Amino acid sequence: MNKMSIKKDDTVVVITGKDKGQRGKVLTVIPKEGKVVVEKINLVSRHTKPRKQGDEGGIIQKEAPLYACKVMRVCPKCDKPTRAASKMVDGKKVRVCKHCGAEI
């Protein structure tokens, strides 16, 4: 299992690719593949067939996973993209912002 600095519900900004500069909330983290699923980022079209009577088929837009190295966490206090830094507080490891030192 790979260690990842990005966790679920973090706000991230995309730093490379077609969605560069867009922000979103992390919905899912896939540490085994080193990927994350971000809300309204990296949308793909999925053509679905109705399986049961009453189901609707058609083209559905959904989020696809993208590599975690393509996103950077945003500090909630200073609102800047920042790398992971950690600090020991009361015997617990806490993530902090590299710019302002606030807890993330």
N, C-alpha and C. Protein backbone atom coordinates (compact mmCIF):
# COMPACT_ATOMS: atom_id res chain seq x y z
N MET A 1 0.84 -1.19 0.00
CA MET A 1 0.00 0.00 0.00
C MET A 1 0.89 1.25 0.00
N ASN A 2 0.57 2.18 -0.86
CA ASN A 2 1.35 3.41 -0.98
C ASN A 2 0.82 4.48 -0.04
N LYS A 3 1.73 5.30 0.48
CA LYS A 3 1.36 6.39 1.38
C LYS A 3 1.02 7.61 0.53
N MET A 4 -0.11 8.24 0.84
CA MET A 4 -0.53 9.42 0.07
C MET A 4 -0.76 10.59 1.01
N SER A 5 -0.37 11.78 0.56
CA SER A 5 -0.53 12.98 1.38
C SER A 5 -1.91 13.61 1.20
N ILE A 6 -2.62 13.21 0.17
CA ILE A 6 -3.96 13.75 -0.08
C ILE A 6 -4.99 12.80 0.49
N LYS A 7 -5.95 13.35 1.21
CA LYS A 7 -6.98 12.54 1.85
C LYS A 7 -8.36 12.95 1.33
N LYS A 8 -9.36 12.13 1.63
CA LYS A 8 -10.73 12.41 1.22
C LYS A 8 -11.20 13.73 1.84
N ASP A 9 -12.02 14.49 1.13
CA ASP A 9 -12.58 15.79 1.53
C ASP A 9 -11.58 16.94 1.51
N ASP A 10 -10.33 16.71 1.07
CA ASP A 10 -9.37 17.81 0.89
C ASP A 10 -9.79 18.62 -0.34
N THR A 11 -9.53 19.92 -0.31
CA THR A 11 -9.73 20.74 -1.50
C THR A 11 -8.40 20.76 -2.24
N VAL A 12 -8.46 20.46 -3.54
CA VAL A 12 -7.24 20.41 -4.34
C VAL A 12 -7.37 21.25 -5.60
N VAL A 13 -6.22 21.63 -6.17
CA VAL A 13 -6.19 22.33 -7.44
C VAL A 13 -5.38 21.47 -8.41
N VAL A 14 -5.86 21.38 -9.67
CA VAL A 14 -5.18 20.58 -10.69
C VAL A 14 -4.01 21.39 -11.23
N ILE A 15 -2.81 20.79 -11.27
CA ILE A 15 -1.62 21.54 -11.69
C ILE A 15 -1.16 21.20 -13.11
N THR A 16 -1.67 20.08 -13.69
CA THR A 16 -1.34 19.74 -15.08
C THR A 16 -2.55 19.14 -15.77
N GLY A 17 -2.51 19.14 -17.10
CA GLY A 17 -3.55 18.47 -17.88
C GLY A 17 -4.64 19.40 -18.36
N LYS A 18 -5.71 18.81 -18.90
CA LYS A 18 -6.79 19.58 -19.52
C LYS A 18 -7.59 20.41 -18.52
N ASP A 19 -7.61 20.00 -17.25
CA ASP A 19 -8.36 20.72 -16.22
C ASP A 19 -7.47 21.61 -15.36
N LYS A 20 -6.30 21.99 -15.86
CA LYS A 20 -5.33 22.78 -15.11
C LYS A 20 -5.96 24.05 -14.54
N GLY A 21 -5.72 24.30 -13.23
CA GLY A 21 -6.22 25.51 -12.58
C GLY A 21 -7.57 25.35 -11.91
N GLN A 22 -8.26 24.24 -12.18
CA GLN A 22 -9.58 24.04 -11.57
C GLN A 22 -9.45 23.46 -10.17
N ARG A 23 -10.40 23.84 -9.31
CA ARG A 23 -10.42 23.34 -7.93
C ARG A 23 -11.59 22.40 -7.73
N GLY A 24 -11.42 21.49 -6.78
CA GLY A 24 -12.49 20.57 -6.46
C GLY A 24 -12.20 19.82 -5.17
N LYS A 25 -13.22 19.11 -4.69
CA LYS A 25 -13.10 18.34 -3.46
C LYS A 25 -12.80 16.89 -3.80
N VAL A 26 -11.90 16.27 -3.06
CA VAL A 26 -11.54 14.87 -3.30
C VAL A 26 -12.68 13.98 -2.80
N LEU A 27 -13.21 13.16 -3.71
CA LEU A 27 -14.31 12.26 -3.37
C LEU A 27 -13.81 10.89 -2.92
N THR A 28 -12.77 10.40 -3.61
CA THR A 28 -12.22 9.08 -3.33
C THR A 28 -10.71 9.10 -3.50
N VAL A 29 -10.02 8.31 -2.67
CA VAL A 29 -8.57 8.15 -2.79
C VAL A 29 -8.29 6.67 -3.06
N ILE A 30 -7.46 6.40 -4.07
CA ILE A 30 -7.10 5.02 -4.42
C ILE A 30 -5.59 4.86 -4.24
N PRO A 31 -5.13 4.56 -3.01
CA PRO A 31 -3.69 4.50 -2.73
C PRO A 31 -2.95 3.42 -3.51
N LYS A 32 -3.61 2.31 -3.80
CA LYS A 32 -2.98 1.21 -4.52
C LYS A 32 -2.52 1.65 -5.91
N GLU A 33 -3.30 2.52 -6.55
CA GLU A 33 -2.97 3.01 -7.89
C GLU A 33 -2.34 4.40 -7.86
N GLY A 34 -2.35 5.06 -6.68
CA GLY A 34 -1.82 6.42 -6.57
C GLY A 34 -2.71 7.44 -7.25
N LYS A 35 -4.02 7.22 -7.21
CA LYS A 35 -4.96 8.10 -7.90
C LYS A 35 -6.00 8.67 -6.95
N VAL A 36 -6.63 9.76 -7.39
CA VAL A 36 -7.72 10.39 -6.64
C VAL A 36 -8.86 10.71 -7.61
N VAL A 37 -10.09 10.74 -7.08
CA VAL A 37 -11.26 11.16 -7.85
C VAL A 37 -11.68 12.51 -7.28
N VAL A 38 -11.71 13.54 -8.14
CA VAL A 38 -12.03 14.90 -7.71
C VAL A 38 -13.37 15.32 -8.31
N GLU A 39 -14.17 15.98 -7.48
CA GLU A 39 -15.51 16.43 -7.88
C GLU A 39 -15.46 17.37 -9.09
N LYS A 40 -16.20 17.03 -10.15
CA LYS A 40 -16.34 17.83 -11.37
C LYS A 40 -15.03 18.06 -12.14
N ILE A 41 -14.04 17.18 -11.91
CA ILE A 41 -12.76 17.26 -12.62
C ILE A 41 -12.55 15.94 -13.36
N ASN A 42 -11.94 16.00 -14.56
CA ASN A 42 -11.64 14.83 -15.38
C ASN A 42 -12.92 14.05 -15.71
N LEU A 43 -13.92 14.77 -16.22
CA LEU A 43 -15.19 14.15 -16.57
C LEU A 43 -15.04 13.33 -17.85
N VAL A 44 -15.63 12.13 -17.84
CA VAL A 44 -15.65 11.27 -19.01
C VAL A 44 -17.10 10.90 -19.32
N SER A 45 -17.38 10.62 -20.60
CA SER A 45 -18.72 10.23 -21.01
C SER A 45 -18.82 8.72 -21.01
N ARG A 46 -19.87 8.22 -20.39
CA ARG A 46 -20.10 6.78 -20.34
C ARG A 46 -21.43 6.49 -21.01
N HIS A 47 -21.40 5.65 -22.04
CA HIS A 47 -22.61 5.27 -22.76
C HIS A 47 -23.21 4.07 -22.05
N THR A 48 -24.41 4.24 -21.49
CA THR A 48 -25.04 3.15 -20.74
C THR A 48 -26.30 2.67 -21.45
N LYS A 49 -26.56 1.38 -21.30
CA LYS A 49 -27.72 0.74 -21.90
C LYS A 49 -28.74 0.50 -20.79
N PRO A 50 -30.02 0.71 -21.04
CA PRO A 50 -31.00 0.42 -19.99
C PRO A 50 -31.02 -1.08 -19.69
N ARG A 51 -30.86 -1.45 -18.43
CA ARG A 51 -30.79 -2.86 -18.04
C ARG A 51 -32.17 -3.42 -17.67
N LYS A 52 -32.97 -2.64 -16.94
CA LYS A 52 -34.30 -3.09 -16.52
C LYS A 52 -35.34 -2.22 -17.22
N GLN A 53 -36.56 -2.69 -17.21
CA GLN A 53 -37.64 -1.89 -17.78
C GLN A 53 -37.86 -0.67 -16.88
N GLY A 54 -37.87 0.51 -17.49
CA GLY A 54 -38.01 1.74 -16.70
C GLY A 54 -36.69 2.46 -16.51
N ASP A 55 -35.57 1.73 -16.67
CA ASP A 55 -34.25 2.36 -16.60
C ASP A 55 -34.02 3.24 -17.82
N GLU A 56 -33.27 4.32 -17.62
CA GLU A 56 -32.94 5.19 -18.73
C GLU A 56 -31.52 4.94 -19.18
N GLY A 57 -31.35 4.78 -20.48
CA GLY A 57 -30.02 4.64 -21.04
C GLY A 57 -29.56 6.01 -21.52
N GLY A 58 -28.37 6.08 -22.07
CA GLY A 58 -27.89 7.34 -22.61
C GLY A 58 -26.45 7.60 -22.23
N ILE A 59 -26.04 8.83 -22.43
CA ILE A 59 -24.67 9.23 -22.14
C ILE A 59 -24.63 9.89 -20.77
N ILE A 60 -23.83 9.35 -19.88
CA ILE A 60 -23.71 9.86 -18.51
C ILE A 60 -22.31 10.43 -18.32
N GLN A 61 -22.22 11.62 -17.74
CA GLN A 61 -20.92 12.23 -17.41
C GLN A 61 -20.54 11.79 -16.00
N LYS A 62 -19.33 11.26 -15.82
CA LYS A 62 -18.87 10.90 -14.49
C LYS A 62 -17.39 11.22 -14.33
N GLU A 63 -16.96 11.34 -13.06
CA GLU A 63 -15.56 11.66 -12.77
C GLU A 63 -14.71 10.41 -12.90
N ALA A 64 -13.57 10.56 -13.54
CA ALA A 64 -12.60 9.47 -13.66
C ALA A 64 -11.43 9.77 -12.73
N PRO A 65 -10.74 8.72 -12.24
CA PRO A 65 -9.58 8.96 -11.38
C PRO A 65 -8.44 9.62 -12.15
N LEU A 66 -7.68 10.47 -11.45
CA LEU A 66 -6.47 11.03 -12.04
C LEU A 66 -5.34 10.87 -11.03
N TYR A 67 -4.11 10.90 -11.53
CA TYR A 67 -2.96 10.66 -10.66
C TYR A 67 -2.85 11.76 -9.60
N ALA A 68 -2.51 11.34 -8.39
CA ALA A 68 -2.41 12.27 -7.26
C ALA A 68 -1.29 13.29 -7.45
N CYS A 69 -0.28 12.95 -8.27
CA CYS A 69 0.82 13.89 -8.50
C CYS A 69 0.39 15.06 -9.39
N LYS A 70 -0.79 14.97 -10.00
CA LYS A 70 -1.29 16.03 -10.87
C LYS A 70 -2.14 17.05 -10.10
N VAL A 71 -2.37 16.80 -8.81
CA VAL A 71 -3.14 17.73 -7.98
C VAL A 71 -2.32 18.18 -6.78
N MET A 72 -2.65 19.35 -6.25
CA MET A 72 -1.97 19.88 -5.08
C MET A 72 -3.01 20.40 -4.09
N ARG A 73 -2.82 20.08 -2.83
CA ARG A 73 -3.75 20.47 -1.79
C ARG A 73 -3.78 21.99 -1.63
N VAL A 74 -4.95 22.55 -1.31
CA VAL A 74 -5.11 23.99 -1.11
C VAL A 74 -5.31 24.23 0.39
N CYS A 75 -4.55 25.18 0.95
CA CYS A 75 -4.67 25.54 2.37
C CYS A 75 -5.98 26.29 2.57
N PRO A 76 -6.78 25.90 3.57
CA PRO A 76 -8.05 26.61 3.80
C PRO A 76 -7.87 28.02 4.35
N LYS A 77 -6.71 28.29 4.99
CA LYS A 77 -6.50 29.61 5.59
C LYS A 77 -5.96 30.62 4.59
N CYS A 78 -4.82 30.29 3.95
CA CYS A 78 -4.20 31.26 3.03
C CYS A 78 -4.65 31.07 1.58
N ASP A 79 -5.44 30.01 1.30
CA ASP A 79 -6.04 29.76 -0.01
C ASP A 79 -4.99 29.60 -1.12
N LYS A 80 -3.82 29.01 -0.77
CA LYS A 80 -2.76 28.78 -1.75
C LYS A 80 -2.51 27.28 -1.88
N PRO A 81 -2.13 26.81 -3.09
CA PRO A 81 -1.73 25.40 -3.22
C PRO A 81 -0.44 25.17 -2.42
N THR A 82 -0.38 24.07 -1.69
CA THR A 82 0.77 23.82 -0.83
C THR A 82 1.15 22.35 -0.80
N ARG A 83 2.42 22.07 -0.58
CA ARG A 83 2.89 20.70 -0.43
C ARG A 83 2.64 20.23 1.00
N ALA A 84 2.77 18.93 1.19
CA ALA A 84 2.54 18.34 2.51
C ALA A 84 3.71 18.61 3.44
N ALA A 85 3.40 19.08 4.63
CA ALA A 85 4.38 19.21 5.70
C ALA A 85 3.72 18.65 6.95
N SER A 86 4.51 18.06 7.82
CA SER A 86 3.91 17.51 9.03
C SER A 86 4.66 18.00 10.26
N LYS A 87 3.91 18.08 11.37
CA LYS A 87 4.44 18.58 12.63
C LYS A 87 3.84 17.76 13.75
N MET A 88 4.61 17.53 14.81
CA MET A 88 4.09 16.79 15.96
C MET A 88 3.41 17.76 16.92
N VAL A 89 2.13 17.52 17.22
CA VAL A 89 1.38 18.33 18.17
C VAL A 89 0.72 17.39 19.17
N ASP A 90 1.10 17.50 20.44
CA ASP A 90 0.59 16.64 21.52
C ASP A 90 0.75 15.15 21.19
N GLY A 91 1.89 14.80 20.62
CA GLY A 91 2.17 13.40 20.31
C GLY A 91 1.47 12.88 19.06
N LYS A 92 0.77 13.76 18.34
CA LYS A 92 0.08 13.36 17.11
C LYS A 92 0.71 14.07 15.93
N LYS A 93 0.78 13.37 14.81
CA LYS A 93 1.32 13.94 13.58
C LYS A 93 0.20 14.74 12.89
N VAL A 94 0.46 16.02 12.61
CA VAL A 94 -0.55 16.90 12.03
C VAL A 94 -0.03 17.48 10.73
N ARG A 95 -0.90 17.58 9.72
CA ARG A 95 -0.52 18.19 8.44
C ARG A 95 -0.61 19.72 8.56
N VAL A 96 0.42 20.41 8.09
CA VAL A 96 0.45 21.87 8.17
C VAL A 96 0.77 22.47 6.81
N CYS A 97 0.40 23.75 6.64
CA CYS A 97 0.64 24.48 5.40
C CYS A 97 2.09 24.97 5.37
N LYS A 98 2.76 24.85 4.23
CA LYS A 98 4.14 25.29 4.09
C LYS A 98 4.24 26.81 4.06
N HIS A 99 3.15 27.50 3.65
CA HIS A 99 3.18 28.95 3.52
C HIS A 99 2.89 29.67 4.84
N CYS A 100 1.75 29.29 5.48
CA CYS A 100 1.33 30.05 6.66
C CYS A 100 1.46 29.25 7.96
N GLY A 101 1.72 27.95 7.89
CA GLY A 101 1.89 27.13 9.09
C GLY A 101 0.60 26.71 9.75
N ALA A 102 -0.55 26.96 9.11
CA ALA A 102 -1.85 26.59 9.68
C ALA A 102 -2.09 25.10 9.53
N GLU A 103 -2.86 24.53 10.45
CA GLU A 103 -3.23 23.11 10.38
C GLU A 103 -4.20 22.88 9.23
N ILE A 104 -3.99 21.78 8.53
CA ILE A 104 -4.89 21.45 7.42
C ILE A 104 -5.84 20.36 7.86
